[in-house]
Protein backbone atom coordinates (compact mmCIF):
# COMPACT_ATOMS: atom_id res chain seq x y z
CA UNK A 1 -108.10 -74.22 -3.72
CA UNK A 2 -105.91 -72.34 -1.54
CA UNK A 3 -103.36 -69.84 -2.84
CA UNK A 4 -100.10 -70.81 -3.00
CA UNK A 5 -97.44 -68.57 -0.93
CA UNK A 6 -93.61 -68.23 -0.71
CA UNK A 7 -92.50 -66.83 2.24
CA UNK A 8 -88.95 -65.08 2.53
CA UNK A 9 -87.09 -65.02 5.69
CA UNK A 10 -84.03 -62.64 5.19
CA UNK A 11 -81.27 -63.23 8.20
CA UNK A 12 -79.21 -60.27 9.36
CA UNK A 13 -76.08 -61.95 7.03
CA UNK A 14 -77.90 -62.19 4.30
CA UNK A 15 -79.21 -65.83 4.19
CA UNK A 16 -82.32 -66.30 2.91
CA UNK A 17 -85.12 -69.02 3.80
CA UNK A 18 -88.07 -69.94 1.77
CA UNK A 19 -91.10 -71.70 2.69
CA UNK A 20 -93.98 -72.77 0.54
CA UNK A 21 -97.27 -72.42 1.93
CA UNK A 22 -100.59 -74.20 0.82
CA UNK A 23 -98.71 -76.61 -1.45
CA UNK A 24 -99.16 -80.11 -1.17
CA UNK A 25 -96.67 -83.13 -2.67
CA UNK A 26 -94.19 -81.98 -4.69
CA UNK A 27 -95.89 -78.81 -6.57
CA UNK A 28 -94.11 -76.12 -4.70
CA UNK A 29 -90.51 -77.58 -5.70
CA UNK A 30 -90.29 -76.11 -9.28
CA UNK A 31 -91.47 -72.80 -7.89
CA UNK A 32 -89.09 -72.57 -4.91
CA UNK A 33 -86.34 -74.23 -7.03
CA UNK A 34 -86.63 -71.23 -9.50
CA UNK A 35 -86.93 -68.53 -7.11
CA UNK A 36 -83.75 -69.81 -5.33
CA UNK A 37 -82.04 -70.06 -8.60
CA UNK A 38 -82.58 -66.65 -9.10
CA UNK A 39 -81.53 -65.37 -5.98
CA UNK A 40 -78.05 -67.36 -5.77
CA UNK A 41 -76.11 -70.10 -4.30
CA UNK A 42 -78.66 -73.12 -3.13
CA UNK A 43 -76.70 -74.43 0.01
CA UNK A 44 -79.37 -76.99 1.45
CA UNK A 45 -82.75 -77.88 0.81
CA UNK A 46 -85.02 -79.73 3.35
CA UNK A 47 -88.64 -80.49 3.06
CA UNK A 48 -91.80 -80.30 5.31
CA UNK A 49 -93.98 -83.14 5.66
CA UNK A 50 -96.39 -82.33 3.10
CA UNK A 51 -93.82 -82.45 0.57
CA UNK A 52 -94.48 -86.36 1.06
CA UNK A 53 -98.07 -86.24 0.73
CA UNK A 54 -99.54 -88.03 -2.03
CA UNK A 55 -101.70 -85.98 -4.33
CA UNK A 56 -105.15 -86.99 -4.89
CA UNK A 57 -106.32 -87.51 -8.37
CA UNK A 58 -109.98 -88.45 -9.49
CA UNK A 59 -110.77 -89.93 -12.77
CA UNK A 60 -114.07 -90.88 -14.06
CA UNK A 61 -114.21 -93.25 -17.13
CA UNK A 62 -117.23 -93.48 -19.03
CA UNK A 63 -118.04 -96.17 -21.97
CA UNK A 64 -120.01 -95.91 -24.54
CA UNK A 65 -121.21 -98.10 -27.38
CA UNK A 66 -119.51 -101.41 -27.94
CA UNK A 67 -120.68 -104.91 -27.06
């Protein structure tokens, strides 16, 4: 599994842009939102295509006993 990263870009006027790296699906939403709220007012939120990807889950069911 890749390490999650958050890249901050601070513009000359003090605006901050944040970008999550190595996230799939909505996993980075909470991380970025928590950081954004700590930094100040959120003006705009946009999502990269990875946000809309489905997270792959694997489940294995094993039945024992019974009839």
